[in-house]
């Protein structure tokens, strides 16, 4: 049985920074010599969300608001 992932009470701003940071981590895994930082991926995330939106399964409320 898989362990439950921890739930963190993140604000919308923290979630967007986390999303940008994860994009940066993947980028650096593929391009180890890159000097990009997490904020270099903000526009990419915004374009992606504008084009594809959020998944239908995305909760409308955070887990700590339930």
N, C-alpha and C. Protein backbone atom coordinates (compact mmCIF):
# COMPACT_ATOMS: atom_id res chain seq x y z
N UNK A 1 0.84 -1.18 0.00
CA UNK A 1 0.00 0.00 0.00
C UNK A 1 0.89 1.25 0.00
N UNK A 2 0.56 2.19 -0.85
CA UNK A 2 1.34 3.42 -0.97
C UNK A 2 1.06 4.35 0.20
N UNK A 3 2.08 5.06 0.61
CA UNK A 3 1.93 6.04 1.68
C UNK A 3 1.17 7.25 1.16
N UNK A 4 0.36 7.83 2.01
CA UNK A 4 -0.38 9.04 1.63
C UNK A 4 0.58 10.21 1.50
N UNK A 5 0.37 11.03 0.49
CA UNK A 5 1.22 12.21 0.35
C UNK A 5 0.77 13.28 1.32
N UNK A 6 1.72 14.01 1.87
CA UNK A 6 1.36 15.06 2.83
C UNK A 6 0.61 16.20 2.14
N UNK A 7 -0.31 16.76 2.84
CA UNK A 7 -1.08 17.89 2.32
C UNK A 7 -0.55 19.16 2.96
N UNK A 8 -0.26 20.13 2.14
CA UNK A 8 0.27 21.39 2.63
C UNK A 8 -0.73 22.50 2.36
N UNK A 9 -1.01 23.32 3.35
CA UNK A 9 -1.92 24.45 3.13
C UNK A 9 -1.20 25.57 2.39
N UNK A 10 -1.31 25.55 1.07
CA UNK A 10 -0.62 26.54 0.25
C UNK A 10 -1.59 27.58 -0.28
N UNK A 11 -1.14 28.81 -0.35
CA UNK A 11 -1.93 29.87 -0.96
C UNK A 11 -1.84 29.72 -2.48
N UNK A 12 -2.70 30.42 -3.21
CA UNK A 12 -2.64 30.39 -4.67
C UNK A 12 -1.27 30.86 -5.17
N UNK A 13 -0.73 31.87 -4.54
CA UNK A 13 0.58 32.38 -4.94
C UNK A 13 1.66 31.33 -4.72
N UNK A 14 1.59 30.63 -3.58
CA UNK A 14 2.57 29.58 -3.31
C UNK A 14 2.43 28.42 -4.30
N UNK A 15 1.20 28.07 -4.67
CA UNK A 15 0.98 27.00 -5.64
C UNK A 15 1.58 27.35 -7.00
N UNK A 16 1.42 28.60 -7.42
CA UNK A 16 1.97 28.99 -8.72
C UNK A 16 3.49 28.99 -8.68
N UNK A 17 4.08 29.43 -7.57
CA UNK A 17 5.54 29.39 -7.45
C UNK A 17 6.03 27.95 -7.44
N UNK A 18 5.28 27.07 -6.78
CA UNK A 18 5.65 25.66 -6.75
C UNK A 18 5.58 25.06 -8.16
N UNK A 19 4.54 25.39 -8.90
CA UNK A 19 4.41 24.91 -10.28
C UNK A 19 5.59 25.38 -11.13
N UNK A 20 5.95 26.64 -11.00
CA UNK A 20 7.08 27.20 -11.75
C UNK A 20 8.38 26.52 -11.33
N UNK A 21 8.53 26.25 -10.04
CA UNK A 21 9.73 25.59 -9.53
C UNK A 21 9.86 24.17 -10.07
N UNK A 22 8.74 23.45 -10.12
CA UNK A 22 8.78 22.08 -10.66
C UNK A 22 9.15 22.09 -12.14
N UNK A 23 8.63 23.05 -12.89
CA UNK A 23 9.02 23.18 -14.30
C UNK A 23 10.53 23.44 -14.40
N UNK A 24 11.06 24.25 -13.50
CA UNK A 24 12.47 24.58 -13.49
C UNK A 24 13.31 23.32 -13.17
N UNK A 25 12.86 22.51 -12.22
CA UNK A 25 13.57 21.29 -11.85
C UNK A 25 13.65 20.34 -13.04
N UNK A 26 12.53 20.16 -13.73
CA UNK A 26 12.52 19.29 -14.91
C UNK A 26 13.45 19.85 -15.98
N UNK A 27 13.40 21.16 -16.18
CA UNK A 27 14.28 21.80 -17.17
C UNK A 27 15.75 21.54 -16.83
N UNK A 28 16.12 21.71 -15.55
CA UNK A 28 17.51 21.51 -15.15
C UNK A 28 17.92 20.05 -15.24
N UNK A 29 16.99 19.13 -15.05
CA UNK A 29 17.31 17.71 -15.22
C UNK A 29 17.66 17.42 -16.67
N UNK A 30 16.99 18.10 -17.59
CA UNK A 30 17.25 17.91 -19.02
C UNK A 30 18.37 18.79 -19.55
N UNK A 31 18.65 19.89 -18.86
CA UNK A 31 19.67 20.86 -19.29
C UNK A 31 20.52 21.26 -18.07
N UNK A 32 21.42 20.40 -17.61
CA UNK A 32 22.16 20.64 -16.37
C UNK A 32 22.97 21.94 -16.34
N UNK A 33 23.35 22.46 -17.47
CA UNK A 33 24.17 23.67 -17.49
C UNK A 33 23.34 24.96 -17.53
N UNK A 34 22.03 24.82 -17.51
CA UNK A 34 21.16 26.00 -17.59
C UNK A 34 21.30 26.87 -16.34
N UNK A 35 21.14 28.15 -16.53
CA UNK A 35 21.18 29.10 -15.41
C UNK A 35 19.81 29.71 -15.13
N UNK A 36 18.76 29.13 -15.70
CA UNK A 36 17.41 29.65 -15.47
C UNK A 36 16.98 29.43 -14.02
N UNK A 37 16.14 30.33 -13.54
CA UNK A 37 15.57 30.23 -12.20
C UNK A 37 14.07 29.98 -12.32
N UNK A 38 13.41 29.68 -11.19
CA UNK A 38 11.99 29.31 -11.23
C UNK A 38 11.14 30.37 -11.91
N UNK A 39 11.45 31.65 -11.70
CA UNK A 39 10.60 32.71 -12.25
C UNK A 39 10.70 32.83 -13.77
N UNK A 40 11.67 32.16 -14.36
CA UNK A 40 11.77 32.14 -15.83
C UNK A 40 10.65 31.33 -16.46
N UNK A 41 9.94 30.55 -15.66
CA UNK A 41 8.90 29.66 -16.18
C UNK A 41 7.48 30.17 -15.93
N UNK A 42 7.35 31.34 -15.34
CA UNK A 42 6.03 31.89 -15.02
C UNK A 42 5.20 32.13 -16.27
N UNK A 43 5.78 32.77 -17.27
CA UNK A 43 5.03 33.04 -18.51
C UNK A 43 4.63 31.75 -19.22
N UNK A 44 5.53 30.74 -19.20
CA UNK A 44 5.21 29.44 -19.81
C UNK A 44 3.99 28.81 -19.14
N UNK A 45 3.96 28.84 -17.79
CA UNK A 45 2.82 28.29 -17.04
C UNK A 45 1.54 29.06 -17.37
N UNK A 46 1.62 30.38 -17.42
CA UNK A 46 0.44 31.19 -17.71
C UNK A 46 -0.10 30.89 -19.11
N UNK A 47 0.80 30.75 -20.09
CA UNK A 47 0.36 30.41 -21.45
C UNK A 47 -0.29 29.04 -21.48
N UNK A 48 0.29 28.09 -20.77
CA UNK A 48 -0.27 26.73 -20.73
C UNK A 48 -1.67 26.75 -20.12
N UNK A 49 -1.85 27.42 -18.99
CA UNK A 49 -3.16 27.46 -18.33
C UNK A 49 -4.18 28.22 -19.18
N UNK A 50 -3.74 29.24 -19.90
CA UNK A 50 -4.65 29.99 -20.76
C UNK A 50 -5.11 29.11 -21.92
N UNK A 51 -4.20 28.31 -22.44
CA UNK A 51 -4.54 27.44 -23.57
C UNK A 51 -5.34 26.21 -23.15
N UNK A 52 -4.95 25.56 -22.05
CA UNK A 52 -5.56 24.30 -21.66
C UNK A 52 -6.45 24.38 -20.42
N UNK A 53 -6.35 25.45 -19.66
CA UNK A 53 -7.13 25.57 -18.44
C UNK A 53 -6.68 24.57 -17.39
N UNK A 54 -7.54 24.36 -16.42
CA UNK A 54 -7.27 23.39 -15.36
C UNK A 54 -8.07 22.13 -15.63
N UNK A 55 -7.63 20.98 -15.12
CA UNK A 55 -8.37 19.74 -15.35
C UNK A 55 -9.74 19.79 -14.67
N UNK A 56 -10.70 19.08 -15.23
CA UNK A 56 -12.05 19.03 -14.65
C UNK A 56 -12.04 18.46 -13.24
N UNK A 57 -11.04 17.66 -12.93
CA UNK A 57 -10.97 17.02 -11.62
C UNK A 57 -10.33 17.91 -10.56
N UNK A 58 -9.90 19.11 -10.94
CA UNK A 58 -9.28 20.02 -9.97
C UNK A 58 -10.32 20.44 -8.94
N UNK A 59 -10.02 20.26 -7.67
CA UNK A 59 -10.98 20.65 -6.62
C UNK A 59 -11.27 22.14 -6.66
N UNK A 60 -12.49 22.50 -6.36
CA UNK A 60 -12.84 23.91 -6.34
C UNK A 60 -12.44 24.57 -5.02
N UNK A 61 -12.26 23.76 -3.99
CA UNK A 61 -11.81 24.28 -2.69
C UNK A 61 -10.57 23.50 -2.23
N UNK A 62 -9.73 24.17 -1.50
CA UNK A 62 -8.55 23.52 -0.94
C UNK A 62 -8.97 22.51 0.13
N UNK A 63 -8.13 21.53 0.35
CA UNK A 63 -8.48 20.47 1.30
C UNK A 63 -8.75 21.03 2.69
N UNK A 64 -8.06 22.11 3.10
CA UNK A 64 -8.22 22.66 4.44
C UNK A 64 -9.46 23.54 4.56
N UNK A 65 -10.15 23.80 3.45
CA UNK A 65 -11.38 24.59 3.49
C UNK A 65 -12.61 23.71 3.58
N UNK A 66 -12.43 22.42 3.46
CA UNK A 66 -13.58 21.50 3.47
C UNK A 66 -14.09 21.31 4.87
